Amino acid sequence: MLQAHHPSVSQPQVRYFYMSASDSKAAEIIAIVNSDADVIRIPVPEEDVILQAFFQRDVTTYETARFGEAATWRIFNSWEKLETDHARYNVCPDVLEMLLICKAAMPLQEQYTMAKV
């Protein structure tokens, strides 16, 4: 179920996807800045994984200044790092609070990486 904090249909969106842990990889939250789809496909050796967005919000002006208009995949292995990062990019505290409600259902470990596509 996609949760959103009254996102604007005319504003660029950040969508969040949960990739559960596997034998070789820790669980991740994938936040795609300037996302235009509620579903993404992750290629894995056995079979591609299709993920459905569980949350979306408007892109902040700080994120636009940093990432531009291109879709940017931001990978989080820690809710703490996600929270710190989002505070730095001026995500509305109420929106961040709504996102953090998902912590219990989506456990993560401690690591963070970023990739631009």
PDB file of N, CA and C in Angstrom:
ATOM      1  N   MET A   1       0.836  -1.176   0.000  1.00  0.00           N
ATOM      2  CA  MET A   1       0.000   0.000   0.000  1.00  0.00           C
ATOM      3  C   MET A   1       0.883   1.242   0.000  1.00  0.00           C
ATOM      4  N   LEU A   2       0.661   2.123  -0.936  1.00  0.00           N
ATOM      5  CA  LEU A   2       1.442   3.339  -1.077  1.00  0.00           C
ATOM      6  C   LEU A   2       0.896   4.410  -0.148  1.00  0.00           C
ATOM      7  N   GLN A   3       1.772   4.860   0.768  1.00  0.00           N
ATOM      8  CA  GLN A   3       1.398   5.949   1.659  1.00  0.00           C
ATOM      9  C   GLN A   3       2.035   7.222   1.131  1.00  0.00           C
ATOM     10  N   ALA A   4       1.332   8.316   1.262  1.00  0.00           N
ATOM     11  CA  ALA A   4       1.874   9.594   0.822  1.00  0.00           C
ATOM     12  C   ALA A   4       1.355  10.696   1.731  1.00  0.00           C
ATOM     13  N   HIS A   5       2.158  11.714   1.871  1.00  0.00           N
ATOM     14  CA  HIS A   5       1.767  12.878   2.657  1.00  0.00           C
ATOM     15  C   HIS A   5       1.283  13.951   1.697  1.00  0.00           C
ATOM     16  N   HIS A   6       0.090  13.781   1.165  1.00  0.00           N
ATOM     17  CA  HIS A   6      -0.531  14.721   0.236  1.00  0.00           C
ATOM     18  C   HIS A   6       0.447  15.216  -0.824  1.00  0.00           C
ATOM     19  N   PRO A   7       1.073  14.290  -1.576  1.00  0.00           N
ATOM     20  CA  PRO A   7       2.012  14.748  -2.599  1.00  0.00           C
ATOM     21  C   PRO A   7       1.276  15.491  -3.708  1.00  0.00           C
ATOM     22  N   SER A   8       1.981  16.396  -4.325  1.00  0.00           N
ATOM     23  CA  SER A   8       1.411  17.173  -5.425  1.00  0.00           C
ATOM     24  C   SER A   8       1.596  16.416  -6.730  1.00  0.00           C
ATOM     25  N   VAL A   9       0.554  16.336  -7.530  1.00  0.00           N
ATOM     26  CA  VAL A   9       0.654  15.622  -8.801  1.00  0.00           C
ATOM     27  C   VAL A   9       1.558  16.355  -9.781  1.00  0.00           C
ATOM     28  N   SER A  10       1.767  17.645  -9.590  1.00  0.00           N
ATOM     29  CA  SER A  10       2.605  18.410 -10.505  1.00  0.00           C
ATOM     30  C   SER A  10       4.053  18.534 -10.032  1.00  0.00           C
ATOM     31  N   GLN A  11       4.348  18.104  -8.823  1.00  0.00           N
ATOM     32  CA  GLN A  11       5.700  18.190  -8.267  1.00  0.00           C
ATOM     33  C   GLN A  11       6.470  16.896  -8.515  1.00  0.00           C
ATOM     34  N   PRO A  12       7.803  16.993  -8.710  1.00  0.00           N
ATOM     35  CA  PRO A  12       8.612  15.772  -8.759  1.00  0.00           C
ATOM     36  C   PRO A  12       8.474  15.008  -7.442  1.00  0.00           C
ATOM     37  N   GLN A  13       8.568  13.688  -7.518  1.00  0.00           N
ATOM     38  CA  GLN A  13       8.319  12.833  -6.358  1.00  0.00           C
ATOM     39  C   GLN A  13       9.552  12.028  -5.948  1.00  0.00           C
ATOM     40  N   VAL A  14       9.615  11.710  -4.659  1.00  0.00           N
ATOM     41  CA  VAL A  14      10.539  10.707  -4.136  1.00  0.00           C
ATOM     42  C   VAL A  14       9.666   9.520  -3.760  1.00  0.00           C
ATOM     43  N   ARG A  15      10.003   8.345  -4.291  1.00  0.00           N
ATOM     44  CA  ARG A  15       9.264   7.129  -3.948  1.00  0.00           C
ATOM     45  C   ARG A  15      10.203   6.176  -3.227  1.00  0.00           C
ATOM     46  N   TYR A  16       9.633   5.431  -2.287  1.00  0.00           N
ATOM     47  CA  TYR A  16      10.401   4.532  -1.429  1.00  0.00           C
ATOM     48  C   TYR A  16       9.991   3.086  -1.684  1.00  0.00           C
ATOM     49  N   PHE A  17      11.008   2.228  -1.784  1.00  0.00           N
ATOM     50  CA  PHE A  17      10.811   0.805  -2.044  1.00  0.00           C
ATOM     51  C   PHE A  17      11.620   0.026  -1.018  1.00  0.00           C
ATOM     52  N   TYR A  18      11.096  -1.111  -0.583  1.00  0.00           N
ATOM     53  CA  TYR A  18      11.802  -1.962   0.386  1.00  0.00           C
ATOM     54  C   TYR A  18      12.272  -3.231  -0.308  1.00  0.00           C
ATOM     55  N   MET A  19      13.581  -3.477  -0.232  1.00  0.00           N
ATOM     56  CA  MET A  19      14.185  -4.703  -0.758  1.00  0.00           C
ATOM     57  C   MET A  19      14.592  -5.531   0.449  1.00  0.00           C
ATOM     58  N   SER A  20      13.920  -6.650   0.666  1.00  0.00           N
ATOM     59  CA  SER A  20      14.202  -7.470   1.839  1.00  0.00           C
ATOM     60  C   SER A  20      15.581  -8.117   1.727  1.00  0.00           C
ATOM     61  N   ALA A  21      16.100  -8.550   2.852  1.00  0.00           N
ATOM     62  CA  ALA A  21      17.427  -9.171   2.905  1.00  0.00           C
ATOM     63  C   ALA A  21      17.421 -10.506   2.165  1.00  0.00           C
ATOM     64  N   SER A  22      18.586 -10.843   1.636  1.00  0.00           N
ATOM     65  CA  SER A  22      18.783 -12.155   1.021  1.00  0.00           C
ATOM     66  C   SER A  22      20.004 -12.788   1.679  1.00  0.00           C
ATOM     67  N   ASP A  23      20.380 -13.979   1.244  1.00  0.00           N
ATOM     68  CA  ASP A  23      21.545 -14.646   1.819  1.00  0.00           C
ATOM     69  C   ASP A  23      22.817 -13.820   1.653  1.00  0.00           C
ATOM     70  N   SER A  24      22.913 -13.072   0.561  1.00  0.00           N
ATOM     71  CA  SER A  24      24.147 -12.352   0.257  1.00  0.00           C
ATOM     72  C   SER A  24      24.052 -10.833   0.429  1.00  0.00           C
ATOM     73  N   LYS A  25      22.882 -10.313   0.783  1.00  0.00           N
ATOM     74  CA  LYS A  25      22.716  -8.870   0.829  1.00  0.00           C
ATOM     75  C   LYS A  25      21.759  -8.455   1.942  1.00  0.00           C
ATOM     76  N   ALA A  26      22.122  -7.366   2.628  1.00  0.00           N
ATOM     77  CA  ALA A  26      21.270  -6.830   3.690  1.00  0.00           C
ATOM     78  C   ALA A  26      20.033  -6.157   3.088  1.00  0.00           C
ATOM     79  N   ALA A  27      19.009  -6.013   3.888  1.00  0.00           N
ATOM     80  CA  ALA A  27      17.793  -5.309   3.456  1.00  0.00           C
ATOM     81  C   ALA A  27      18.121  -3.849   3.165  1.00  0.00           C
ATOM     82  N   GLU A  28      17.351  -3.251   2.255  1.00  0.00           N
ATOM     83  CA  GLU A  28      17.595  -1.870   1.847  1.00  0.00           C
ATOM     84  C   GLU A  28      16.285  -1.120   1.643  1.00  0.00           C
ATOM     85  N   ILE A  29      16.347   0.174   1.902  1.00  0.00           N
ATOM     86  CA  ILE A  29      15.310   1.088   1.452  1.00  0.00           C
ATOM     87  C   ILE A  29      15.891   1.789   0.232  1.00  0.00           C
ATOM     88  N   ILE A  30      15.172   1.757  -0.864  1.00  0.00           N
ATOM     89  CA  ILE A  30      15.583   2.443  -2.085  1.00  0.00           C
ATOM     90  C   ILE A  30      14.680   3.664  -2.213  1.00  0.00           C
ATOM     91  N   ALA A  31      15.287   4.840  -2.107  1.00  0.00           N
ATOM     92  CA  ALA A  31      14.553   6.096  -2.274  1.00  0.00           C
ATOM     93  C   ALA A  31      14.950   6.654  -3.632  1.00  0.00           C
ATOM     94  N   ILE A  32      13.993   6.802  -4.524  1.00  0.00           N
ATOM     95  CA  ILE A  32      14.289   7.309  -5.859  1.00  0.00           C
ATOM     96  C   ILE A  32      13.782   8.745  -5.959  1.00  0.00           C
ATOM     97  N   VAL A  33      14.746   9.669  -6.032  1.00  0.00           N
ATOM     98  CA  VAL A  33      14.437  11.084  -6.207  1.00  0.00           C
ATOM     99  C   VAL A  33      14.068  11.293  -7.677  1.00  0.00           C
ATOM    100  N   ASN A  34      13.025  12.056  -7.930  1.00  0.00           N
ATOM    101  CA  ASN A  34      12.511  12.297  -9.290  1.00  0.00           C
ATOM    102  C   ASN A  34      11.980  11.012  -9.916  1.00  0.00           C
ATOM    103  N   SER A  35      11.317  10.221  -9.115  1.00  0.00           N
ATOM    104  CA  SER A  35      10.731   8.959  -9.576  1.00  0.00           C
ATOM    105  C   SER A  35       9.434   9.227 -10.333  1.00  0.00           C
ATOM    106  N   ASP A  36       9.233   8.442 -11.393  1.00  0.00           N
ATOM    107  CA  ASP A  36       7.986   8.582 -12.148  1.00  0.00           C
ATOM    108  C   ASP A  36       7.172   7.292 -12.184  1.00  0.00           C
ATOM    109  N   ALA A  37       7.547   6.321 -11.339  1.00  0.00           N
ATOM    110  CA  ALA A  37       6.842   5.032 -11.353  1.00  0.00           C
ATOM    111  C   ALA A  37       6.661   4.496  -9.937  1.00  0.00           C
ATOM    112  N   ASP A  38       5.530   3.824  -9.720  1.00  0.00           N
ATOM    113  CA  ASP A  38       5.248   3.195  -8.429  1.00  0.00           C
ATOM    114  C   ASP A  38       5.862   1.808  -8.312  1.00  0.00           C
ATOM    115  N   VAL A  39       6.420   1.300  -9.413  1.00  0.00           N
ATOM    116  CA  VAL A  39       6.987  -0.050  -9.448  1.00  0.00           C
ATOM    117  C   VAL A  39       8.378   0.027 -10.070  1.00  0.00           C
ATOM    118  N   ILE A  40       9.335  -0.731  -9.498  1.00  0.00           N
ATOM    119  CA  ILE A  40      10.665  -0.851 -10.095  1.00  0.00           C
ATOM    120  C   ILE A  40      11.025  -2.323 -10.217  1.00  0.00           C
ATOM    121  N   ARG A  41      11.928  -2.615 -11.143  1.00  0.00           N
ATOM    122  CA  ARG A  41      12.408  -3.984 -11.356  1.00  0.00           C
ATOM    123  C   ARG A  41      13.888  -4.014 -10.987  1.00  0.00           C
ATOM    124  N   ILE A  42      14.254  -4.936 -10.093  1.00  0.00           N
ATOM    125  CA  ILE A  42      15.634  -5.111  -9.659  1.00  0.00           C
ATOM    126  C   ILE A  42      16.150  -6.416 -10.256  1.00  0.00           C
ATOM    127  N   PRO A  43      17.177  -6.356 -11.114  1.00  0.00           N
ATOM    128  CA  PRO A  43      17.707  -7.605 -11.673  1.00  0.00           C
ATOM    129  C   PRO A  43      18.538  -8.356 -10.627  1.00  0.00           C
ATOM    130  N   VAL A  44      18.214  -9.603 -10.411  1.00  0.00           N
ATOM    131  CA  VAL A  44      18.989 -10.493  -9.538  1.00  0.00           C
ATOM    132  C   VAL A  44      19.228 -11.791 -10.303  1.00  0.00           C
ATOM    133  N   PRO A  45      20.269 -12.550  -9.942  1.00  0.00           N
ATOM    134  CA  PRO A  45      20.625 -13.741 -10.718  1.00  0.00           C
ATOM    135  C   PRO A  45      19.492 -14.749 -10.922  1.00  0.00           C
ATOM    136  N   GLU A  46      18.738 -15.057  -9.890  1.00  0.00           N
ATOM    137  CA  GLU A  46      17.708 -16.096 -10.009  1.00  0.00           C
ATOM    138  C   GLU A  46      16.517 -15.622 -10.838  1.00  0.00           C
ATOM    139  N   GLU A  47      15.975 -14.477 -10.454  1.00  0.00           N
ATOM    140  CA  GLU A  47      14.777 -13.936 -11.105  1.00  0.00           C
ATOM    141  C   GLU A  47      14.648 -12.472 -10.707  1.00  0.00           C
ATOM    142  N   ASP A  48      14.311 -11.614 -11.664  1.00  0.00           N
ATOM    143  CA  ASP A  48      14.150 -10.197 -11.347  1.00  0.00           C
ATOM    144  C   ASP A  48      13.105 -10.013 -10.248  1.00  0.00           C
ATOM    145  N   VAL A  49      13.374  -9.050  -9.370  1.00  0.00           N
ATOM    146  CA  VAL A  49      12.455  -8.728  -8.280  1.00  0.00           C
ATOM    147  C   VAL A  49      11.700  -7.458  -8.662  1.00  0.00           C
ATOM    148  N   ILE A  50      10.404  -7.484  -8.516  1.00  0.00           N
ATOM    149  CA  ILE A  50       9.578  -6.307  -8.775  1.00  0.00           C
ATOM    150  C   ILE A  50       9.139  -5.750  -7.425  1.00  0.00           C
ATOM    151  N   LEU A  51       9.433  -4.466  -7.209  1.00  0.00           N
ATOM    152  CA  LEU A  51       9.100  -3.814  -5.948  1.00  0.00           C
ATOM    153  C   LEU A  51       8.045  -2.739  -6.171  1.00  0.00           C
ATOM    154  N   GLN A  52       7.112  -2.669  -5.247  1.00  0.00           N
ATOM    155  CA  GLN A  52       6.046  -1.664  -5.259  1.00  0.00           C
ATOM    156  C   GLN A  52       6.406  -0.579  -4.240  1.00  0.00           C
ATOM    157  N   ALA A  53       6.252   0.677  -4.608  1.00  0.00           N
ATOM    158  CA  ALA A  53       6.526   1.779  -3.683  1.00  0.00           C
ATOM    159  C   ALA A  53       5.603   1.676  -2.470  1.00  0.00           C
ATOM    160  N   PHE A  54       6.172   1.927  -1.287  1.00  0.00           N
ATOM    161  CA  PHE A  54       5.354   1.902  -0.073  1.00  0.00           C
ATOM    162  C   PHE A  54       5.106   3.304   0.479  1.00  0.00           C
ATOM    163  N   PHE A  55       5.791   4.310  -0.087  1.00  0.00           N
ATOM    164  CA  PHE A  55       5.627   5.683   0.399  1.00  0.00           C
ATOM    165  C   PHE A  55       6.092   6.628  -0.701  1.00  0.00           C
ATOM    166  N   GLN A  56       5.492   7.814  -0.757  1.00  0.00           N
ATOM    167  CA  GLN A  56       5.976   8.839  -1.682  1.00  0.00           C
ATOM    168  C   GLN A  56       5.768  10.207  -1.071  1.00  0.00           C
ATOM    169  N   ARG A  57       6.590  11.147  -1.525  1.00  0.00           N
ATOM    170  CA  ARG A  57       6.509  12.531  -1.059  1.00  0.00           C
ATOM    171  C   ARG A  57       7.069  13.440  -2.143  1.00  0.00           C
ATOM    172  N   ASP A  58       6.830  14.745  -1.986  1.00  0.00           N
ATOM    173  CA  ASP A  58       7.382  15.724  -2.915  1.00  0.00           C
ATOM    174  C   ASP A  58       8.894  15.848  -2.706  1.00  0.00           C
ATOM    175  N   VAL A  59       9.625  16.100  -3.786  1.00  0.00           N
ATOM    176  CA  VAL A  59      11.056  16.388  -3.724  1.00  0.00           C
ATOM    177  C   VAL A  59      11.227  17.763  -3.080  1.00  0.00           C
ATOM    178  N   THR A  60      12.218  17.913  -2.193  1.00  0.00           N
ATOM    179  CA  THR A  60      12.479  19.215  -1.571  1.00  0.00           C
ATOM    180  C   THR A  60      13.343  20.080  -2.497  1.00  0.00           C
ATOM    181  N   THR A  61      13.364  21.374  -2.236  1.00  0.00           N
ATOM    182  CA  THR A  61      14.211  22.269  -3.037  1.00  0.00           C
ATOM    183  C   THR A  61      15.686  21.933  -2.852  1.00  0.00           C
ATOM    184  N   TYR A  62      16.076  21.468  -1.672  1.00  0.00           N
ATOM    185  CA  TYR A  62      17.465  21.069  -1.424  1.00  0.00           C
ATOM    186  C   TYR A  62      17.832  19.840  -2.250  1.00  0.00           C
ATOM    187  N   GLU A  63      16.905  18.905  -2.375  1.00  0.00           N
ATOM    188  CA  GLU A  63      17.158  17.719  -3.200  1.00  0.00           C
ATOM    189  C   GLU A  63      17.260  18.096  -4.676  1.00  0.00           C
ATOM    190  N   THR A  64      16.412  19.015  -5.116  1.00  0.00           N
ATOM    191  CA  THR A  64      16.479  19.465  -6.507  1.00  0.00           C
ATOM    192  C   THR A  64      17.824  20.132  -6.781  1.00  0.00           C
ATOM    193  N   ALA A  65      18.290  20.952  -5.851  1.00  0.00           N
ATOM    194  CA  ALA A  65      19.587  21.613  -6.021  1.00  0.00           C
ATOM    195  C   ALA A  65      20.723  20.595  -6.080  1.00  0.00           C
ATOM    196  N   ARG A  66      20.650  19.539  -5.299  1.00  0.00           N
ATOM    197  CA  ARG A  66      21.713  18.530  -5.232  1.00  0.00           C
ATOM    198  C   ARG A  66      21.643  17.522  -6.371  1.00  0.00           C
ATOM    199  N   PHE A  67      20.447  17.040  -6.704  1.00  0.00           N
ATOM    200  CA  PHE A  67      20.307  15.927  -7.644  1.00  0.00           C
ATOM    201  C   PHE A  67      19.772  16.335  -9.013  1.00  0.00           C
ATOM    202  N   GLY A  68      19.314  17.572  -9.159  1.00  0.00           N
ATOM    203  CA  GLY A  68      18.780  18.016 -10.445  1.00  0.00           C
ATOM    204  C   GLY A  68      17.463  17.332 -10.758  1.00  0.00           C
ATOM    205  N   GLU A  69      17.222  17.107 -12.044  1.00  0.00           N
ATOM    206  CA  GLU A  69      15.953  16.526 -12.483  1.00  0.00           C
ATOM    207  C   GLU A  69      16.061  15.058 -12.856  1.00  0.00           C
ATOM    208  N   ALA A  70      17.272  14.509 -12.847  1.00  0.00           N
ATOM    209  CA  ALA A  70      17.452  13.096 -13.214  1.00  0.00           C
ATOM    210  C   ALA A  70      16.993  12.185 -12.080  1.00  0.00           C
ATOM    211  N   ALA A  71      16.491  11.023 -12.436  1.00  0.00           N
ATOM    212  CA  ALA A  71      16.140  10.023 -11.421  1.00  0.00           C
ATOM    213  C   ALA A  71      17.422   9.591 -10.715  1.00  0.00           C
ATOM    214  N   THR A  72      17.414   9.660  -9.393  1.00  0.00           N
ATOM    215  CA  THR A  72      18.583   9.307  -8.587  1.00  0.00           C
ATOM    216  C   THR A  72      18.174   8.280  -7.548  1.00  0.00           C
ATOM    217  N   TRP A  73      18.828   7.113  -7.597  1.00  0.00           N
ATOM    218  CA  TRP A  73      18.555   6.048  -6.636  1.00  0.00           C
ATOM    219  C   TRP A  73      19.440   6.265  -5.423  1.00  0.00           C
ATOM    220  N   ARG A  74      18.816   6.341  -4.256  1.00  0.00           N
ATOM    221  CA  ARG A  74      19.548   6.493  -2.999  1.00  0.00           C
ATOM    222  C   ARG A  74      19.239   5.259  -2.162  1.00  0.00           C
ATOM    223  N   ILE A  75      20.283   4.543  -1.787  1.00  0.00           N
ATOM    224  CA  ILE A  75      20.132   3.258  -1.104  1.00  0.00           C
ATOM    225  C   ILE A  75      20.487   3.428   0.371  1.00  0.00           C
ATOM    226  N   PHE A  76      19.565   3.023   1.245  1.00  0.00           N
ATOM    227  CA  PHE A  76      19.779   3.120   2.688  1.00  0.00           C
ATOM    228  C   PHE A  76      19.684   1.738   3.321  1.00  0.00           C
ATOM    229  N   ASN A  77      20.672   1.398   4.148  1.00  0.00           N
ATOM    230  CA  ASN A  77      20.650   0.159   4.929  1.00  0.00           C
ATOM    231  C   ASN A  77      20.432   0.456   6.405  1.00  0.00           C
ATOM    232  N   SER A  78      20.106   1.707   6.735  1.00  0.00           N
ATOM    233  CA  SER A  78      19.906   2.118   8.119  1.00  0.00           C
ATOM    234  C   SER A  78      18.828   3.196   8.176  1.00  0.00           C
ATOM    235  N   TRP A  79      17.842   2.996   9.030  1.00  0.00           N
ATOM    236  CA  TRP A  79      16.811   4.021   9.220  1.00  0.00           C
ATOM    237  C   TRP A  79      17.423   5.280   9.829  1.00  0.00           C
ATOM    238  N   GLU A  80      18.431   5.115  10.685  1.00  0.00           N
ATOM    239  CA  GLU A  80      19.084   6.267  11.310  1.00  0.00           C
ATOM    240  C   GLU A  80      19.761   7.144  10.254  1.00  0.00           C
ATOM    241  N   LYS A  81      20.464   6.516   9.315  1.00  0.00           N
ATOM    242  CA  LYS A  81      21.117   7.270   8.234  1.00  0.00           C
ATOM    243  C   LYS A  81      20.069   7.944   7.342  1.00  0.00           C
ATOM    244  N   LEU A  82      18.981   7.247   7.072  1.00  0.00           N
ATOM    245  CA  LEU A  82      17.908   7.828   6.266  1.00  0.00           C
ATOM    246  C   LEU A  82      17.351   9.071   6.966  1.00  0.00           C
ATOM    247  N   GLU A  83      17.112   8.954   8.259  1.00  0.00           N
ATOM    248  CA  GLU A  83      16.555  10.075   9.018  1.00  0.00           C
ATOM    249  C   GLU A  83      17.515  11.268   9.029  1.00  0.00           C
ATOM    250  N   THR A  84      18.799  11.019   9.270  1.00  0.00           N
ATOM    251  CA  THR A  84      19.809  12.081   9.274  1.00  0.00           C
ATOM    252  C   THR A  84      19.908  12.741   7.905  1.00  0.00           C
ATOM    253  N   ASP A  85      19.945  11.920   6.867  1.00  0.00           N
ATOM    254  CA  ASP A  85      20.027  12.413   5.498  1.00  0.00           C
ATOM    255  C   ASP A  85      18.816  13.281   5.153  1.00  0.00           C
ATOM    256  N   HIS A  86      17.642  12.818   5.504  1.00  0.00           N
ATOM    257  CA  HIS A  86      16.422  13.539   5.160  1.00  0.00           C
ATOM    258  C   HIS A  86      16.307  14.856   5.927  1.00  0.00           C
ATOM    259  N   ALA A  87      16.815  14.894   7.142  1.00  0.00           N
ATOM    260  CA  ALA A  87      16.847  16.157   7.889  1.00  0.00           C
ATOM    261  C   ALA A  87      17.774  17.149   7.177  1.00  0.00           C
ATOM    262  N   ARG A  88      18.900  16.652   6.667  1.00  0.00           N
ATOM    263  CA  ARG A  88      19.858  17.502   5.948  1.00  0.00           C
ATOM    264  C   ARG A  88      19.237  18.079   4.672  1.00  0.00           C
ATOM    265  N   TYR A  89      18.381  17.303   4.011  1.00  0.00           N
ATOM    266  CA  TYR A  89      17.743  17.767   2.779  1.00  0.00           C
ATOM    267  C   TYR A  89      16.394  18.438   3.032  1.00  0.00           C
ATOM    268  N   ASN A  90      16.143  18.782   4.296  1.00  0.00           N
ATOM    269  CA  ASN A  90      14.984  19.591   4.678  1.00  0.00           C
ATOM    270  C   ASN A  90      13.638  18.937   4.354  1.00  0.00           C
ATOM    271  N   VAL A  91      13.565  17.624   4.546  1.00  0.00           N
ATOM    272  CA  VAL A  91      12.276  16.937   4.411  1.00  0.00           C
ATOM    273  C   VAL A  91      11.407  17.367   5.592  1.00  0.00           C
ATOM    274  N   CYS A  92      10.182  17.695   5.327  1.00  0.00           N
ATOM    275  CA  CYS A  92       9.243  18.142   6.359  1.00  0.00           C
ATOM    276  C   CYS A  92       9.211  17.124   7.507  1.00  0.00           C
ATOM    277  N   PRO A  93       9.384  17.570   8.753  1.00  0.00           N
ATOM    278  CA  PRO A  93       9.374  16.640   9.888  1.00  0.00           C
ATOM    279  C   PRO A  93       8.115  15.776   9.968  1.00  0.00           C
ATOM    280  N   ASP A  94       6.960  16.323   9.627  1.00  0.00           N
ATOM    281  CA  ASP A  94       5.724  15.533   9.658  1.00  0.00           C
ATOM    282  C   ASP A  94       5.753  14.414   8.619  1.00  0.00           C
ATOM    283  N   VAL A  95       6.301  14.711   7.449  1.00  0.00           N
ATOM    284  CA  VAL A  95       6.412  13.702   6.397  1.00  0.00           C
ATOM    285  C   VAL A  95       7.412  12.634   6.821  1.00  0.00           C
ATOM    286  N   LEU A  96       8.544  13.060   7.369  1.00  0.00           N
ATOM    287  CA  LEU A  96       9.553  12.108   7.835  1.00  0.00           C
ATOM    288  C   LEU A  96       8.986  11.208   8.928  1.00  0.00           C
ATOM    289  N   GLU A  97       8.204  11.775   9.818  1.00  0.00           N
ATOM    290  CA  GLU A  97       7.573  10.983  10.879  1.00  0.00           C
ATOM    291  C   GLU A  97       6.653   9.910  10.291  1.00  0.00           C
ATOM    292  N   MET A  98       5.899  10.277   9.264  1.00  0.00           N
ATOM    293  CA  MET A  98       5.025   9.293   8.605  1.00  0.00           C
ATOM    294  C   MET A  98       5.847   8.169   7.975  1.00  0.00           C
ATOM    295  N   LEU A  99       6.958   8.525   7.339  1.00  0.00           N
ATOM    296  CA  LEU A  99       7.827   7.525   6.725  1.00  0.00           C
ATOM    297  C   LEU A  99       8.418   6.594   7.778  1.00  0.00           C
ATOM    298  N   LEU A 100       8.844   7.149   8.903  1.00  0.00           N
ATOM    299  CA  LEU A 100       9.493   6.347   9.942  1.00  0.00           C
ATOM    300  C   LEU A 100       8.535   5.386  10.643  1.00  0.00           C
ATOM    301  N   ILE A 101       7.242   5.557  10.450  1.00  0.00           N
ATOM    302  CA  ILE A 101       6.274   4.592  10.983  1.00  0.00           C
ATOM    303  C   ILE A 101       6.535   3.204  10.397  1.00  0.00           C
ATOM    304  N   CYS A 102       7.128   3.157   9.220  1.00  0.00           N
ATOM    305  CA  CYS A 102       7.391   1.886   8.526  1.00  0.00           C
ATOM    306  C   CYS A 102       8.570   1.110   9.108  1.00  0.00           C
ATOM    307  N   LYS A 103       9.319   1.680  10.037  1.00  0.00           N
ATOM    308  CA  LYS A 103      10.525   1.036  10.574  1.00  0.00           C
ATOM    309  C   LYS A 103      10.270  -0.371  11.107  1.00  0.00           C
ATOM    310  N   ALA A 104       9.225  -0.551  11.858  1.00  0.00           N
ATOM    311  CA  ALA A 104       8.969  -1.851  12.489  1.00  0.00           C
ATOM    312  C   ALA A 104       8.733  -2.946  11.461  1.00  0.00           C
ATOM    313  N   ALA A 105       8.071  -2.611  10.377  1.00  0.00           N
ATOM    314  CA  ALA A 105       7.748  -3.604   9.350  1.00  0.00           C
ATOM    315  C   ALA A 105       8.882  -3.819   8.355  1.00  0.00           C
ATOM    316  N   MET A 106       9.885  -2.931   8.360  1.00  0.00           N
ATOM    317  CA  MET A 106      10.966  -2.986   7.373  1.00  0.00           C
ATOM    318  C   MET A 106      12.317  -2.825   8.059  1.00  0.00           C
ATOM    319  N   PRO A 107      12.815  -3.879   8.699  1.00  0.00           N
ATOM    320  CA  PRO A 107      14.073  -3.781   9.446  1.00  0.00           C
ATOM    321  C   PRO A 107      15.278  -3.572   8.530  1.00  0.00           C
ATOM    322  N   LEU A 108      16.225  -2.744   9.002  1.00  0.00           N
ATOM    323  CA  LEU A 108      17.453  -2.454   8.269  1.00  0.00           C
ATOM    324  C   LEU A 108      18.668  -2.590   9.181  1.00  0.00           C
ATOM    325  N   GLN A 109      19.867  -2.591   8.544  1.00  0.00           N
ATOM    326  CA  GLN A 109      21.129  -2.588   9.285  1.00  0.00           C
ATOM    327  C   GLN A 109      21.814  -1.244   9.101  1.00  0.00           C
ATOM    328  N   GLU A 110      23.133  -1.177   9.324  1.00  0.00           N
ATOM    329  CA  GLU A 110      23.852   0.102   9.333  1.00  0.00           C
ATOM    330  C   GLU A 110      24.808   0.283   8.166  1.00  0.00           C
ATOM    331  N   GLN A 111      24.324   0.860   7.069  1.00  0.00           N
ATOM    332  CA  GLN A 111      25.174   1.192   5.936  1.00  0.00           C
ATOM    333  C   GLN A 111      24.409   2.097   4.996  1.00  0.00           C
ATOM    334  N   TYR A 112      25.104   2.896   4.179  1.00  0.00           N
ATOM    335  CA  TYR A 112      24.456   3.820   3.246  1.00  0.00           C
ATOM    336  C   TYR A 112      25.302   3.963   1.991  1.00  0.00           C
ATOM    337  N   THR A 113      24.667   3.949   0.822  1.00  0.00           N
ATOM    338  CA  THR A 113      25.347   4.200  -0.447  1.00  0.00           C
ATOM    339  C   THR A 113      24.429   5.022  -1.341  1.00  0.00           C
ATOM    340  N   MET A 114      24.987   5.589  -2.419  1.00  0.00           N
ATOM    341  CA  MET A 114      24.192   6.385  -3.348  1.00  0.00           C
ATOM    342  C   MET A 114      24.646   6.098  -4.770  1.00  0.00           C
ATOM    343  N   ALA A 115      23.702   6.026  -5.684  1.00  0.00           N
ATOM    344  CA  ALA A 115      24.016   5.847  -7.104  1.00  0.00           C
ATOM    345  C   ALA A 115      23.146   6.779  -7.921  1.00  0.00           C
ATOM    346  N   LYS A 116      23.729   7.398  -8.935  1.00  0.00           N
ATOM    347  CA  LYS A 116      22.961   8.288  -9.816  1.00  0.00           C
ATOM    348  C   LYS A 116      22.812   7.607 -11.164  1.00  0.00           C
ATOM    349  N   VAL A 117      21.570   7.561 -11.663  1.00  0.00           N
ATOM    350  CA  VAL A 117      21.301   6.941 -12.966  1.00  0.00           C
ATOM    351  C   VAL A 117      20.729   7.946 -13.930  1.00  0.00           C
TER     352      VAL A 117
END
